[in-house]
Every structure is written in structure tokens, then in C-alpha cells.
Amino acid sequence: MERARSARGELALRQRGEVFELISNGVFLMDTSDGSSERLLARLATAEPPARRVLVAGLGVGLTLAEVLLAAQVESVTVIEIEEAVVRWNLGPLAAVNAAALSDPRVRVVVTDLCAWIGETAERFDAICLDVDNGPDWTVADDNRWLYTVDGLRALKSRLAANGKLAVWSASLNPEFERRLAVVFGEVRRQTSPSDAGPPDVVWIACRRD
């Protein structure tokens, strides 16, 4: 449907029948055929204790954001998305599959790099949904690897309010990353979601207790 270029290379929006796909430099990122694990990410992040202020890190096709907005207690959602084209597509053709999530008055979009923004902001959130990559094993940009290190996880933790939750999406299990999460947060929960493309998708949940 459209191609866009940025400092990170080429991004493409494709359509197969009723299914939309996001492709980065020729590599499949995500599509709208299912979205159950993205919705699971949002539900786990916004569940008890209820989250009022939510950070969605990575807009994608908007399914995580749409699910976050279904939680009645959510008062504000900040979306961090590095690609202007992804925001434009969510306001355009993808709005049909994500219930026009970006048009919700509770939503604020910041087009920037998450790694830099985390270090600059003083905001705190009741929940952070991290889905900027296909997980710790495959990052869209090399700089994103920092997010999955102990230092990166500590930076994300610093942006959580007391009892706030970090929810991390991944296309595969990564025991070493799970250990790093435990180093930073203590107790970590893991839930899987079946995937037609291969191994189950994984969502980790960690809470700030200090």
C-alpha cells in the first residue's frame, strides 16, 4: 500500500485481503490477522491493581493500544512510536482494525526514540507495555538492545509509579532475559499465547515493589 523511508531504512505497509502487514527492511514485523498476544499484553498490564496512566511503547498496528483503552479505569495513554509513517497509517487504513484508537481523547502520541525518551522524561506510569521489537532476541534497531539489559530495565522501572507494572512482549521465550528481569524487579510472571507462525508468543509481567 505504501513505503516510507527513515533513518532506520524502509518501512512498508502491505495488505493481503483484509489483513494488513508491517514490514521493516524486508523483514516481517506484525500483522492484523490475530493480535491475541498484543491484547494479552495490554490486559495483563492494566489488570489489578488498576492502571490509570499507561505508556504504550511501540504503536505497531494499534491493537495493544486499542485493548488498553477498553480498560475503564485508564485515564491517559502515552504512545511512544519512532516512525511517523506508522502513526500516519494508524490514523488511516489501520484505524479500521484498531477501532480508531489514536482518535481517543485519552491518547497522546510522541514520535521519538524510546531509549532517549526514557532517559529524558520525568513522567511515571502505572503500567508500561513494551512492544517495540519482536522481543529481546530480535530488535528492530540495534540501539533497542539496551532496553533488554539490566540498565535498560532499571531505566524502565524508574518510570513506573509504586506498584506499577512492566509488561514485555516477545515472539519467543528467552530465559536469560527473564533472569535479568528478576534481577531488576524480583518476582516475574510469564504467560504464553499460541501463535500460528511458530512457538507461542510470550508476555512477561514484573511489578515495582520498592
N, C-alpha and C. Protein backbone atom coordinates (compact mmCIF):
# COMPACT_ATOMS: atom_id res chain seq x y z
N MET A 1 0.82 -1.20 0.00
CA MET A 1 0.00 0.00 0.00
C MET A 1 0.86 1.26 0.00
N GLU A 2 1.93 1.23 0.81
CA GLU A 2 2.79 2.40 0.89
C GLU A 2 4.15 2.00 1.45
N ARG A 3 5.18 2.71 0.98
CA ARG A 3 6.52 2.54 1.52
C ARG A 3 7.00 3.89 2.06
N ALA A 4 7.78 3.83 3.13
CA ALA A 4 8.33 5.05 3.72
C ALA A 4 9.77 4.79 4.11
N ARG A 5 10.59 5.82 4.02
CA ARG A 5 12.00 5.70 4.40
C ARG A 5 12.29 6.62 5.57
N SER A 6 13.15 6.14 6.45
CA SER A 6 13.59 6.92 7.59
C SER A 6 15.06 6.60 7.85
N ALA A 7 15.58 7.11 8.95
CA ALA A 7 16.97 6.83 9.29
C ALA A 7 17.20 5.34 9.55
N ARG A 8 16.16 4.60 9.78
CA ARG A 8 16.27 3.18 10.09
C ARG A 8 16.04 2.29 8.87
N GLY A 9 15.81 2.91 7.70
CA GLY A 9 15.63 2.14 6.48
C GLY A 9 14.23 2.26 5.93
N GLU A 10 13.78 1.18 5.28
CA GLU A 10 12.47 1.19 4.62
C GLU A 10 11.42 0.49 5.47
N LEU A 11 10.27 1.13 5.55
CA LEU A 11 9.11 0.55 6.23
C LEU A 11 7.99 0.45 5.21
N ALA A 12 7.28 -0.67 5.21
CA ALA A 12 6.21 -0.87 4.24
C ALA A 12 4.93 -1.33 4.92
N LEU A 13 3.82 -0.83 4.41
CA LEU A 13 2.50 -1.30 4.82
C LEU A 13 1.93 -2.10 3.65
N ARG A 14 1.62 -3.36 3.91
CA ARG A 14 1.07 -4.23 2.87
C ARG A 14 -0.32 -4.70 3.28
N GLN A 15 -1.09 -5.12 2.30
CA GLN A 15 -2.41 -5.66 2.56
C GLN A 15 -2.61 -6.95 1.79
N ARG A 16 -3.06 -7.99 2.50
CA ARG A 16 -3.42 -9.28 1.90
C ARG A 16 -4.88 -9.55 2.26
N GLY A 17 -5.79 -9.32 1.32
CA GLY A 17 -7.20 -9.44 1.64
C GLY A 17 -7.58 -8.41 2.69
N GLU A 18 -8.04 -8.88 3.85
CA GLU A 18 -8.39 -7.98 4.94
C GLU A 18 -7.27 -7.81 5.95
N VAL A 19 -6.13 -8.45 5.72
CA VAL A 19 -5.02 -8.43 6.67
C VAL A 19 -3.98 -7.40 6.25
N PHE A 20 -3.57 -6.56 7.21
CA PHE A 20 -2.50 -5.60 6.99
C PHE A 20 -1.21 -6.12 7.62
N GLU A 21 -0.08 -5.80 6.98
CA GLU A 21 1.23 -6.22 7.48
C GLU A 21 2.17 -5.02 7.55
N LEU A 22 3.02 -5.01 8.58
CA LEU A 22 4.11 -4.05 8.67
C LEU A 22 5.42 -4.80 8.38
N ILE A 23 6.21 -4.26 7.43
CA ILE A 23 7.46 -4.86 7.02
C ILE A 23 8.58 -3.85 7.22
N SER A 24 9.65 -4.23 7.91
CA SER A 24 10.79 -3.35 8.14
C SER A 24 12.01 -3.90 7.42
N ASN A 25 12.50 -3.14 6.43
CA ASN A 25 13.67 -3.56 5.66
C ASN A 25 13.53 -4.98 5.13
N GLY A 26 12.33 -5.27 4.66
CA GLY A 26 12.04 -6.57 4.07
C GLY A 26 11.73 -7.68 5.06
N VAL A 27 11.76 -7.38 6.36
CA VAL A 27 11.53 -8.38 7.40
C VAL A 27 10.15 -8.15 8.02
N PHE A 28 9.37 -9.22 8.13
CA PHE A 28 8.02 -9.14 8.71
C PHE A 28 8.09 -8.71 10.17
N LEU A 29 7.28 -7.70 10.54
CA LEU A 29 7.18 -7.27 11.93
C LEU A 29 5.92 -7.80 12.59
N MET A 30 4.78 -7.51 11.98
CA MET A 30 3.50 -7.91 12.59
C MET A 30 2.40 -7.76 11.57
N ASP A 31 1.24 -8.34 11.88
CA ASP A 31 0.08 -8.15 11.03
C ASP A 31 -1.18 -8.09 11.88
N THR A 32 -2.31 -7.96 11.24
CA THR A 32 -3.58 -7.81 11.95
C THR A 32 -4.41 -9.09 11.91
N SER A 33 -3.80 -10.23 11.56
CA SER A 33 -4.57 -11.46 11.39
C SER A 33 -5.09 -12.00 12.72
N ASP A 34 -4.38 -11.74 13.81
CA ASP A 34 -4.79 -12.29 15.11
C ASP A 34 -4.75 -11.20 16.18
N GLY A 35 -3.55 -10.92 16.68
CA GLY A 35 -3.42 -9.87 17.69
C GLY A 35 -3.74 -10.31 19.11
N SER A 36 -3.96 -11.62 19.33
CA SER A 36 -4.35 -12.06 20.67
C SER A 36 -3.25 -11.82 21.70
N SER A 37 -1.99 -11.99 21.32
CA SER A 37 -0.91 -11.79 22.29
C SER A 37 -0.70 -10.31 22.59
N GLU A 38 -0.91 -9.43 21.59
CA GLU A 38 -0.83 -8.00 21.83
C GLU A 38 -1.93 -7.55 22.80
N ARG A 39 -3.10 -8.12 22.63
CA ARG A 39 -4.21 -7.80 23.55
C ARG A 39 -3.94 -8.36 24.94
N LEU A 40 -3.33 -9.55 24.99
CA LEU A 40 -2.96 -10.13 26.29
C LEU A 40 -1.98 -9.21 27.00
N LEU A 41 -1.01 -8.68 26.28
CA LEU A 41 -0.05 -7.74 26.84
C LEU A 41 -0.77 -6.59 27.53
N ALA A 42 -1.74 -6.02 26.84
CA ALA A 42 -2.49 -4.88 27.39
C ALA A 42 -3.32 -5.27 28.60
N ARG A 43 -3.98 -6.41 28.53
CA ARG A 43 -4.85 -6.83 29.65
C ARG A 43 -4.03 -7.11 30.90
N LEU A 44 -2.89 -7.78 30.75
CA LEU A 44 -2.06 -8.07 31.91
C LEU A 44 -1.50 -6.78 32.52
N ALA A 45 -1.16 -5.83 31.68
CA ALA A 45 -0.59 -4.58 32.17
C ALA A 45 -1.61 -3.74 32.92
N THR A 46 -2.86 -3.76 32.50
CA THR A 46 -3.87 -2.88 33.09
C THR A 46 -4.70 -3.55 34.17
N ALA A 47 -4.47 -4.85 34.43
CA ALA A 47 -5.24 -5.56 35.45
C ALA A 47 -4.81 -5.11 36.84
N GLU A 48 -5.40 -5.71 37.86
CA GLU A 48 -5.16 -5.33 39.25
C GLU A 48 -3.67 -5.29 39.60
N PRO A 49 -3.23 -4.25 40.31
CA PRO A 49 -4.02 -3.05 40.63
C PRO A 49 -4.29 -2.25 39.36
N PRO A 50 -5.48 -1.64 39.25
CA PRO A 50 -5.85 -0.97 38.01
C PRO A 50 -4.90 0.15 37.63
N ALA A 51 -4.58 0.21 36.35
CA ALA A 51 -3.66 1.23 35.84
C ALA A 51 -4.45 2.41 35.28
N ARG A 52 -4.12 3.60 35.76
CA ARG A 52 -4.77 4.82 35.25
C ARG A 52 -3.91 5.50 34.19
N ARG A 53 -2.61 5.51 34.39
CA ARG A 53 -1.69 6.14 33.45
C ARG A 53 -0.84 5.05 32.81
N VAL A 54 -0.92 4.95 31.49
CA VAL A 54 -0.28 3.84 30.78
C VAL A 54 0.65 4.38 29.70
N LEU A 55 1.80 3.74 29.57
CA LEU A 55 2.74 4.00 28.48
C LEU A 55 2.71 2.82 27.54
N VAL A 56 2.40 3.07 26.28
CA VAL A 56 2.47 2.04 25.24
C VAL A 56 3.71 2.33 24.40
N ALA A 57 4.71 1.49 24.54
CA ALA A 57 5.99 1.69 23.86
C ALA A 57 6.01 0.84 22.60
N GLY A 58 5.70 1.47 21.48
CA GLY A 58 5.59 0.79 20.20
C GLY A 58 4.14 0.71 19.77
N LEU A 59 3.77 1.49 18.76
CA LEU A 59 2.37 1.55 18.32
C LEU A 59 1.99 0.35 17.47
N GLY A 60 2.88 -0.07 16.56
CA GLY A 60 2.57 -1.19 15.69
C GLY A 60 1.30 -0.96 14.90
N VAL A 61 0.41 -1.94 14.89
CA VAL A 61 -0.86 -1.81 14.17
C VAL A 61 -1.99 -1.33 15.09
N GLY A 62 -1.63 -0.96 16.32
CA GLY A 62 -2.59 -0.33 17.22
C GLY A 62 -3.44 -1.25 18.06
N LEU A 63 -3.19 -2.56 18.01
CA LEU A 63 -4.05 -3.49 18.74
C LEU A 63 -3.81 -3.44 20.25
N THR A 64 -2.55 -3.27 20.68
CA THR A 64 -2.28 -3.12 22.11
C THR A 64 -2.94 -1.87 22.65
N LEU A 65 -2.79 -0.76 21.94
CA LEU A 65 -3.42 0.49 22.36
C LEU A 65 -4.92 0.35 22.43
N ALA A 66 -5.53 -0.27 21.45
CA ALA A 66 -6.99 -0.44 21.45
C ALA A 66 -7.45 -1.22 22.67
N GLU A 67 -6.70 -2.26 23.05
CA GLU A 67 -7.07 -3.07 24.21
C GLU A 67 -6.88 -2.29 25.50
N VAL A 68 -5.80 -1.52 25.61
CA VAL A 68 -5.59 -0.69 26.79
C VAL A 68 -6.77 0.25 27.00
N LEU A 69 -7.27 0.82 25.92
CA LEU A 69 -8.36 1.79 26.01
C LEU A 69 -9.68 1.16 26.43
N LEU A 70 -9.78 -0.16 26.34
CA LEU A 70 -11.00 -0.84 26.79
C LEU A 70 -11.10 -0.90 28.31
N ALA A 71 -9.97 -0.70 28.99
CA ALA A 71 -9.96 -0.72 30.45
C ALA A 71 -10.56 0.59 30.96
N ALA A 72 -11.69 0.50 31.64
CA ALA A 72 -12.45 1.69 32.01
C ALA A 72 -11.67 2.62 32.93
N GLN A 73 -10.74 2.08 33.72
CA GLN A 73 -10.03 2.91 34.69
C GLN A 73 -8.92 3.74 34.05
N VAL A 74 -8.56 3.43 32.80
CA VAL A 74 -7.45 4.14 32.14
C VAL A 74 -7.86 5.57 31.85
N GLU A 75 -7.06 6.51 32.38
CA GLU A 75 -7.34 7.94 32.20
C GLU A 75 -6.49 8.58 31.12
N SER A 76 -5.25 8.09 30.95
CA SER A 76 -4.37 8.67 29.94
C SER A 76 -3.41 7.61 29.43
N VAL A 77 -3.11 7.70 28.12
CA VAL A 77 -2.17 6.77 27.49
C VAL A 77 -1.17 7.58 26.67
N THR A 78 0.10 7.39 26.96
CA THR A 78 1.16 7.98 26.16
C THR A 78 1.70 6.90 25.25
N VAL A 79 1.74 7.18 23.95
CA VAL A 79 2.26 6.24 22.96
C VAL A 79 3.59 6.77 22.44
N ILE A 80 4.63 5.97 22.55
CA ILE A 80 5.94 6.32 22.00
C ILE A 80 6.14 5.49 20.74
N GLU A 81 6.29 6.16 19.61
CA GLU A 81 6.49 5.50 18.32
C GLU A 81 7.54 6.27 17.53
N ILE A 82 8.56 5.58 17.08
CA ILE A 82 9.68 6.25 16.42
C ILE A 82 9.40 6.60 14.96
N GLU A 83 8.48 5.87 14.32
CA GLU A 83 8.23 6.06 12.90
C GLU A 83 6.97 6.89 12.65
N GLU A 84 7.15 8.05 12.01
CA GLU A 84 6.00 8.89 11.68
C GLU A 84 5.02 8.16 10.75
N ALA A 85 5.55 7.33 9.85
CA ALA A 85 4.68 6.61 8.92
C ALA A 85 3.73 5.67 9.65
N VAL A 86 4.20 5.03 10.73
CA VAL A 86 3.34 4.12 11.49
C VAL A 86 2.19 4.89 12.13
N VAL A 87 2.47 6.07 12.63
CA VAL A 87 1.40 6.90 13.20
C VAL A 87 0.41 7.27 12.10
N ARG A 88 0.91 7.68 10.96
CA ARG A 88 0.04 8.07 9.84
C ARG A 88 -0.84 6.91 9.40
N TRP A 89 -0.26 5.72 9.30
CA TRP A 89 -1.04 4.56 8.87
C TRP A 89 -2.10 4.17 9.91
N ASN A 90 -1.79 4.37 11.19
CA ASN A 90 -2.78 4.09 12.23
C ASN A 90 -3.93 5.08 12.19
N LEU A 91 -3.67 6.28 11.75
CA LEU A 91 -4.74 7.26 11.58
C LEU A 91 -5.52 7.02 10.29
N GLY A 92 -4.92 6.26 9.37
CA GLY A 92 -5.54 5.99 8.08
C GLY A 92 -6.12 4.60 8.00
N PRO A 93 -5.55 3.72 7.13
CA PRO A 93 -6.16 2.40 6.91
C PRO A 93 -6.21 1.50 8.13
N LEU A 94 -5.23 1.60 9.04
CA LEU A 94 -5.23 0.71 10.21
C LEU A 94 -6.29 1.08 11.24
N ALA A 95 -6.86 2.27 11.13
CA ALA A 95 -7.92 2.67 12.07
C ALA A 95 -9.11 1.73 12.00
N ALA A 96 -9.30 1.10 10.86
CA ALA A 96 -10.42 0.18 10.70
C ALA A 96 -10.27 -1.09 11.53
N VAL A 97 -9.02 -1.45 11.89
CA VAL A 97 -8.80 -2.68 12.65
C VAL A 97 -8.47 -2.41 14.11
N ASN A 98 -8.20 -1.15 14.47
CA ASN A 98 -7.90 -0.86 15.88
C ASN A 98 -8.89 0.11 16.50
N ALA A 99 -10.09 0.16 15.91
CA ALA A 99 -11.18 0.98 16.45
C ALA A 99 -10.78 2.46 16.57
N ALA A 100 -9.99 2.93 15.60
CA ALA A 100 -9.56 4.33 15.57
C ALA A 100 -8.97 4.75 16.92
N ALA A 101 -8.08 3.91 17.44
CA ALA A 101 -7.56 4.10 18.79
C ALA A 101 -6.87 5.45 18.97
N LEU A 102 -6.17 5.93 17.95
CA LEU A 102 -5.45 7.19 18.09
C LEU A 102 -6.37 8.39 18.20
N SER A 103 -7.64 8.21 17.86
CA SER A 103 -8.60 9.32 17.96
C SER A 103 -9.19 9.46 19.35
N ASP A 104 -8.89 8.52 20.23
CA ASP A 104 -9.41 8.59 21.60
C ASP A 104 -8.78 9.80 22.31
N PRO A 105 -9.58 10.64 22.97
CA PRO A 105 -9.03 11.84 23.61
C PRO A 105 -8.06 11.55 24.76
N ARG A 106 -8.02 10.32 25.24
CA ARG A 106 -7.08 9.98 26.32
C ARG A 106 -5.67 9.74 25.80
N VAL A 107 -5.49 9.69 24.47
CA VAL A 107 -4.23 9.27 23.88
C VAL A 107 -3.37 10.47 23.48
N ARG A 108 -2.11 10.38 23.83
CA ARG A 108 -1.09 11.34 23.39
C ARG A 108 0.02 10.56 22.70
N VAL A 109 0.40 10.98 21.48
CA VAL A 109 1.44 10.31 20.72
C VAL A 109 2.71 11.16 20.72
N VAL A 110 3.83 10.52 21.02
CA VAL A 110 5.13 11.18 20.95
C VAL A 110 5.97 10.42 19.94
N VAL A 111 6.34 11.09 18.84
CA VAL A 111 7.15 10.45 17.80
C VAL A 111 8.62 10.67 18.16
N THR A 112 9.23 9.65 18.72
CA THR A 112 10.61 9.76 19.18
C THR A 112 11.17 8.38 19.44
N ASP A 113 12.45 8.33 19.76
CA ASP A 113 13.11 7.08 20.13
C ASP A 113 12.87 6.78 21.60
N LEU A 114 12.40 5.60 21.91
CA LEU A 114 12.06 5.24 23.29
C LEU A 114 13.28 5.31 24.20
N CYS A 115 14.43 4.81 23.74
CA CYS A 115 15.62 4.79 24.60
C CYS A 115 15.99 6.20 25.06
N ALA A 116 15.97 7.16 24.14
CA ALA A 116 16.29 8.53 24.50
C ALA A 116 15.21 9.13 25.39
N TRP A 117 13.96 8.87 25.06
CA TRP A 117 12.84 9.48 25.79
C TRP A 117 12.81 9.02 27.25
N ILE A 118 13.08 7.74 27.48
CA ILE A 118 13.07 7.19 28.83
C ILE A 118 14.08 7.94 29.71
N GLY A 119 15.23 8.30 29.12
CA GLY A 119 16.25 9.00 29.89
C GLY A 119 15.96 10.46 30.13
N GLU A 120 15.05 11.04 29.36
CA GLU A 120 14.76 12.47 29.44
C GLU A 120 13.49 12.78 30.24
N THR A 121 12.52 11.90 30.22
CA THR A 121 11.24 12.21 30.84
C THR A 121 11.29 12.04 32.36
N ALA A 122 10.42 12.78 33.04
CA ALA A 122 10.25 12.61 34.48
C ALA A 122 8.90 11.96 34.79
N GLU A 123 8.15 11.60 33.75
CA GLU A 123 6.82 11.03 33.94
C GLU A 123 6.90 9.64 34.55
N ARG A 124 5.86 9.30 35.31
CA ARG A 124 5.74 7.95 35.85
C ARG A 124 4.38 7.38 35.46
N PHE A 125 4.35 6.07 35.31
CA PHE A 125 3.17 5.39 34.80
C PHE A 125 2.79 4.23 35.71
N ASP A 126 1.51 3.90 35.70
CA ASP A 126 1.04 2.74 36.44
C ASP A 126 1.33 1.45 35.68
N ALA A 127 1.52 1.56 34.36
CA ALA A 127 1.84 0.38 33.54
C ALA A 127 2.60 0.83 32.30
N ILE A 128 3.56 0.00 31.91
CA ILE A 128 4.30 0.19 30.67
C ILE A 128 4.15 -1.08 29.84
N CYS A 129 3.68 -0.93 28.61
CA CYS A 129 3.61 -2.04 27.66
C CYS A 129 4.76 -1.89 26.67
N LEU A 130 5.74 -2.78 26.74
CA LEU A 130 6.92 -2.70 25.88
C LEU A 130 6.78 -3.67 24.72
N ASP A 131 6.61 -3.11 23.51
CA ASP A 131 6.47 -3.93 22.31
C ASP A 131 7.03 -3.17 21.11
N VAL A 132 8.30 -2.77 21.22
CA VAL A 132 8.94 -2.04 20.13
C VAL A 132 9.71 -2.97 19.20
N ASP A 133 9.86 -4.23 19.60
CA ASP A 133 10.63 -5.21 18.82
C ASP A 133 9.88 -6.52 18.75
N ASN A 134 10.52 -7.53 18.15
CA ASN A 134 9.98 -8.88 18.22
C ASN A 134 10.46 -9.59 19.48
N GLY A 135 11.01 -8.82 20.41
CA GLY A 135 11.47 -9.37 21.67
C GLY A 135 12.96 -9.18 21.86
N PRO A 136 13.51 -9.65 22.96
CA PRO A 136 14.94 -9.48 23.25
C PRO A 136 15.84 -10.12 22.20
N ASP A 137 15.37 -11.16 21.53
CA ASP A 137 16.21 -11.89 20.57
C ASP A 137 16.30 -11.21 19.21
N TRP A 138 15.32 -10.35 18.88
CA TRP A 138 15.33 -9.73 17.55
C TRP A 138 14.78 -8.32 17.69
N THR A 139 15.70 -7.35 17.65
CA THR A 139 15.30 -5.96 17.80
C THR A 139 15.25 -5.27 16.43
N VAL A 140 14.31 -4.35 16.29
CA VAL A 140 14.16 -3.62 15.03
C VAL A 140 15.37 -2.73 14.78
N ALA A 141 15.89 -2.11 15.83
CA ALA A 141 17.08 -1.26 15.74
C ALA A 141 18.12 -1.76 16.74
N ASP A 142 19.38 -1.67 16.38
CA ASP A 142 20.45 -2.16 17.27
C ASP A 142 20.42 -1.46 18.63
N ASP A 143 20.11 -0.17 18.64
CA ASP A 143 20.09 0.57 19.90
C ASP A 143 19.06 0.03 20.88
N ASN A 144 18.03 -0.63 20.37
CA ASN A 144 16.97 -1.15 21.24
C ASN A 144 17.44 -2.28 22.13
N ARG A 145 18.59 -2.89 21.80
CA ARG A 145 19.08 -3.98 22.65
C ARG A 145 19.29 -3.52 24.09
N TRP A 146 19.60 -2.23 24.25
CA TRP A 146 19.81 -1.67 25.58
C TRP A 146 18.57 -1.82 26.46
N LEU A 147 17.38 -1.74 25.86
CA LEU A 147 16.14 -1.84 26.63
C LEU A 147 16.04 -3.15 27.40
N TYR A 148 16.66 -4.19 26.89
CA TYR A 148 16.53 -5.52 27.47
C TYR A 148 17.72 -5.89 28.37
N THR A 149 18.61 -4.93 28.58
CA THR A 149 19.72 -5.14 29.51
C THR A 149 19.27 -4.76 30.92
N VAL A 150 20.10 -5.08 31.90
CA VAL A 150 19.80 -4.69 33.28
C VAL A 150 19.67 -3.18 33.39
N ASP A 151 20.57 -2.43 32.74
CA ASP A 151 20.50 -0.97 32.80
C ASP A 151 19.22 -0.46 32.15
N GLY A 152 18.85 -1.01 31.01
CA GLY A 152 17.63 -0.59 30.34
C GLY A 152 16.40 -0.89 31.17
N LEU A 153 16.36 -2.07 31.77
CA LEU A 153 15.21 -2.44 32.60
C LEU A 153 15.13 -1.56 33.85
N ARG A 154 16.27 -1.19 34.40
CA ARG A 154 16.26 -0.27 35.55
C ARG A 154 15.72 1.10 35.14
N ALA A 155 16.06 1.54 33.93
CA ALA A 155 15.54 2.82 33.44
C ALA A 155 14.03 2.75 33.27
N LEU A 156 13.53 1.65 32.73
CA LEU A 156 12.08 1.48 32.60
C LEU A 156 11.41 1.42 33.97
N LYS A 157 12.03 0.72 34.90
CA LYS A 157 11.48 0.64 36.25
C LYS A 157 11.38 2.02 36.89
N SER A 158 12.35 2.89 36.62
CA SER A 158 12.33 4.23 37.20
C SER A 158 11.17 5.07 36.70
N ARG A 159 10.56 4.65 35.59
CA ARG A 159 9.42 5.38 35.05
C ARG A 159 8.09 4.81 35.53
N LEU A 160 8.15 3.83 36.42
CA LEU A 160 6.93 3.24 37.00
C LEU A 160 6.62 3.87 38.34
N ALA A 161 5.33 4.09 38.58
CA ALA A 161 4.88 4.51 39.89
C ALA A 161 4.96 3.32 40.85
N ALA A 162 4.74 3.57 42.14
CA ALA A 162 4.73 2.48 43.12
C ALA A 162 3.71 1.43 42.71
N ASN A 163 4.11 0.16 42.74
CA ASN A 163 3.28 -0.97 42.34
C ASN A 163 2.95 -0.96 40.85
N GLY A 164 3.67 -0.15 40.07
CA GLY A 164 3.47 -0.14 38.63
C GLY A 164 4.00 -1.41 37.99
N LYS A 165 3.48 -1.72 36.79
CA LYS A 165 3.81 -2.97 36.11
C LYS A 165 4.48 -2.72 34.78
N LEU A 166 5.51 -3.50 34.51
CA LEU A 166 6.14 -3.54 33.20
C LEU A 166 5.70 -4.83 32.53
N ALA A 167 5.11 -4.71 31.33
CA ALA A 167 4.70 -5.87 30.54
C ALA A 167 5.53 -5.87 29.26
N VAL A 168 6.20 -6.98 28.99
CA VAL A 168 7.11 -7.08 27.84
C VAL A 168 6.64 -8.18 26.91
N TRP A 169 6.49 -7.83 25.62
CA TRP A 169 6.07 -8.80 24.60
C TRP A 169 7.28 -9.38 23.89
N SER A 170 7.20 -10.67 23.54
CA SER A 170 8.28 -11.31 22.80
C SER A 170 7.70 -12.42 21.93
N ALA A 171 8.33 -12.61 20.77
CA ALA A 171 7.91 -13.69 19.87
C ALA A 171 8.49 -15.03 20.29
N SER A 172 9.33 -15.05 21.33
CA SER A 172 9.93 -16.31 21.76
C SER A 172 10.36 -16.21 23.22
N LEU A 173 10.52 -17.36 23.84
CA LEU A 173 10.98 -17.44 25.21
C LEU A 173 12.47 -17.11 25.26
N ASN A 174 12.87 -16.38 26.32
CA ASN A 174 14.28 -16.03 26.49
C ASN A 174 14.61 -16.13 27.97
N PRO A 175 15.12 -17.27 28.42
CA PRO A 175 15.40 -17.47 29.85
C PRO A 175 16.39 -16.44 30.41
N GLU A 176 17.39 -16.05 29.62
CA GLU A 176 18.39 -15.10 30.11
C GLU A 176 17.74 -13.74 30.36
N PHE A 177 16.87 -13.31 29.46
CA PHE A 177 16.16 -12.05 29.68
C PHE A 177 15.26 -12.15 30.91
N GLU A 178 14.62 -13.27 31.09
CA GLU A 178 13.76 -13.46 32.26
C GLU A 178 14.58 -13.35 33.54
N ARG A 179 15.80 -13.85 33.52
CA ARG A 179 16.66 -13.74 34.69
C ARG A 179 17.03 -12.27 34.95
N ARG A 180 17.29 -11.52 33.88
CA ARG A 180 17.59 -10.10 34.06
C ARG A 180 16.40 -9.35 34.62
N LEU A 181 15.22 -9.68 34.16
CA LEU A 181 14.01 -9.07 34.73
C LEU A 181 13.93 -9.34 36.22
N ALA A 182 14.23 -10.57 36.62
CA ALA A 182 14.16 -10.93 38.04
C ALA A 182 15.21 -10.19 38.85
N VAL A 183 16.38 -9.95 38.27
CA VAL A 183 17.42 -9.19 38.96
C VAL A 183 16.92 -7.79 39.28
N VAL A 184 16.22 -7.18 38.34
CA VAL A 184 15.79 -5.79 38.50
C VAL A 184 14.51 -5.69 39.32
N PHE A 185 13.57 -6.61 39.10
CA PHE A 185 12.24 -6.47 39.69
C PHE A 185 11.95 -7.45 40.82
N GLY A 186 12.69 -8.53 40.88
CA GLY A 186 12.34 -9.56 41.84
C GLY A 186 11.41 -10.58 41.18
N GLU A 187 10.21 -10.70 41.66
CA GLU A 187 9.27 -11.69 41.11
C GLU A 187 8.84 -11.31 39.70
N VAL A 188 8.84 -12.30 38.82
CA VAL A 188 8.44 -12.12 37.43
C VAL A 188 7.42 -13.19 37.07
N ARG A 189 6.37 -12.80 36.38
CA ARG A 189 5.37 -13.76 35.87
C ARG A 189 5.49 -13.84 34.36
N ARG A 190 5.23 -15.03 33.83
CA ARG A 190 5.29 -15.25 32.40
C ARG A 190 4.00 -15.92 31.93
N GLN A 191 3.47 -15.44 30.81
CA GLN A 191 2.29 -16.06 30.22
C GLN A 191 2.51 -16.18 28.72
N THR A 192 2.06 -17.30 28.15
CA THR A 192 2.26 -17.52 26.72
C THR A 192 0.92 -17.43 25.99
N SER A 193 1.02 -17.17 24.69
CA SER A 193 -0.15 -17.08 23.83
C SER A 193 0.16 -17.84 22.56
N PRO A 194 -0.68 -18.80 22.16
CA PRO A 194 -0.40 -19.59 20.95
C PRO A 194 -0.22 -18.70 19.73
N SER A 195 0.70 -19.13 18.84
CA SER A 195 0.97 -18.40 17.61
C SER A 195 0.91 -19.35 16.44
N ASP A 196 0.23 -18.95 15.37
CA ASP A 196 0.16 -19.78 14.17
C ASP A 196 1.49 -19.84 13.44
N ALA A 197 2.37 -18.86 13.71
CA ALA A 197 3.62 -18.75 12.98
C ALA A 197 4.75 -19.60 13.57
N GLY A 198 4.54 -20.21 14.73
CA GLY A 198 5.60 -20.98 15.35
C GLY A 198 5.42 -21.10 16.84
N PRO A 199 6.50 -20.97 17.63
CA PRO A 199 6.40 -21.08 19.08
C PRO A 199 5.44 -20.04 19.65
N PRO A 200 4.91 -20.29 20.84
CA PRO A 200 3.98 -19.31 21.44
C PRO A 200 4.64 -17.97 21.68
N ASP A 201 3.87 -16.90 21.53
CA ASP A 201 4.33 -15.59 21.94
C ASP A 201 4.40 -15.56 23.47
N VAL A 202 5.23 -14.68 24.01
CA VAL A 202 5.47 -14.62 25.45
C VAL A 202 5.21 -13.21 25.95
N VAL A 203 4.56 -13.11 27.11
CA VAL A 203 4.41 -11.83 27.80
C VAL A 203 4.93 -12.01 29.22
N TRP A 204 5.90 -11.16 29.59
CA TRP A 204 6.40 -11.13 30.96
C TRP A 204 5.78 -9.96 31.70
N ILE A 205 5.46 -10.15 32.97
CA ILE A 205 4.95 -9.09 33.83
C ILE A 205 5.84 -8.99 35.06
N ALA A 206 6.30 -7.77 35.32
CA ALA A 206 7.12 -7.50 36.51
C ALA A 206 6.60 -6.25 37.18
N CYS A 207 6.55 -6.24 38.51
CA CYS A 207 5.99 -5.11 39.26
C CYS A 207 7.06 -4.40 40.06
N ARG A 208 6.91 -3.09 40.17
CA ARG A 208 7.81 -2.30 41.01
C ARG A 208 7.29 -2.35 42.44
N ARG A 209 8.06 -2.90 43.37
CA ARG A 209 7.63 -3.06 44.75
C ARG A 209 8.38 -2.14 45.70
N ASP A 210 9.44 -1.45 45.22
CA ASP A 210 10.21 -0.61 46.13
C ASP A 210 9.78 0.85 46.03
